[in-house]
Amino acid sequence: MSLTEREKIAALISQAMTLYAVHMQEGNIPEHQSIIDFVLKSIPEQHRKSLSMDMIDEIFAFISTNHMEPS
């Protein structure tokens, strides 16, 4: 079974958000760059047509409310 386009976009968005957090902790994100800008620039061109702000917001909200600190 292969992933749907929505599932692929969700995976790419969550990966970009994770990378943003890691780079932010390391001080490698320019001060003016938002997580939205980072996500938009991180999504491969062939998947951008399926990307929406609603989906980014939905995934960000899900990750924020279900975030677990490492043990």
Protein backbone atom coordinates (compact mmCIF):
# COMPACT_ATOMS: atom_id res chain seq x y z
CA MET A 1 0.00 0.00 0.00
CA SER A 2 1.42 3.35 -0.96
CA LEU A 3 0.94 6.65 0.81
CA THR A 4 -1.70 9.08 -0.39
CA GLU A 5 -0.59 12.55 -1.48
CA ARG A 6 -2.03 13.99 1.76
CA GLU A 7 -0.03 11.49 3.84
CA LYS A 8 3.14 12.34 1.93
CA ILE A 9 2.59 16.08 2.51
CA ALA A 10 1.89 15.46 6.21
CA ALA A 11 5.16 13.53 6.54
CA LEU A 12 7.11 16.24 4.70
CA ILE A 13 5.59 19.02 6.82
CA SER A 14 6.30 17.24 10.10
CA GLN A 15 9.86 16.49 8.97
CA ALA A 16 10.40 20.17 8.08
CA MET A 17 9.03 21.24 11.47
CA THR A 18 11.40 18.86 13.23
CA LEU A 19 14.36 20.15 11.21
CA TYR A 20 13.35 23.72 12.01
CA ALA A 21 13.31 22.95 15.75
CA VAL A 22 16.72 21.25 15.59
CA HIS A 23 18.28 24.06 13.55
CA MET A 24 16.70 26.66 15.84
CA GLN A 25 18.24 25.02 18.92
CA GLU A 26 21.62 24.98 17.19
CA GLY A 27 21.28 28.65 16.23
CA ASN A 28 21.30 27.91 12.50
CA ILE A 29 18.02 29.65 11.62
CA PRO A 30 18.11 33.32 10.66
CA GLU A 31 16.22 35.45 13.19
CA HIS A 32 13.64 36.61 10.65
CA GLN A 33 12.80 33.16 9.23
CA SER A 34 9.50 31.75 10.50
CA ILE A 35 8.59 28.10 10.72
CA ILE A 36 6.08 28.67 7.90
CA ASP A 37 8.80 30.05 5.60
CA PHE A 38 11.06 27.13 6.49
CA VAL A 39 8.32 24.57 5.80
CA LEU A 40 7.39 26.19 2.48
CA LYS A 41 11.02 26.21 1.34
CA SER A 42 11.58 22.62 2.50
CA ILE A 43 8.75 20.95 0.59
CA PRO A 44 9.91 19.51 -2.75
CA GLU A 45 8.48 21.29 -5.79
CA GLN A 46 6.47 18.27 -6.98
CA HIS A 47 4.44 18.28 -3.73
CA ARG A 48 3.83 22.02 -3.35
CA LYS A 49 0.59 21.98 -5.35
CA SER A 50 -0.99 19.86 -2.58
CA LEU A 51 0.32 22.05 0.23
CA SER A 52 -2.02 24.40 2.09
CA MET A 53 -1.76 26.71 5.08
CA ASP A 54 -4.67 24.84 6.68
CA MET A 55 -2.71 21.60 6.51
CA ILE A 56 0.43 23.23 7.95
CA ASP A 57 -1.66 24.71 10.78
CA GLU A 58 -3.40 21.39 11.43
CA ILE A 59 -0.12 19.47 11.65
CA PHE A 60 1.52 22.17 13.78
CA ALA A 61 -1.44 22.07 16.20
CA PHE A 62 -1.33 18.28 16.34
CA ILE A 63 2.42 18.21 17.04
CA SER A 64 2.12 20.99 19.61
CA THR A 65 -0.62 19.26 21.59
CA ASN A 66 0.94 15.79 21.35
CA HIS A 67 4.59 16.71 21.84
CA MET A 68 6.48 14.47 24.23
CA GLU A 69 9.77 15.42 25.83
CA PRO A 70 12.56 12.86 25.33
CA SER A 71 13.27 10.70 28.38
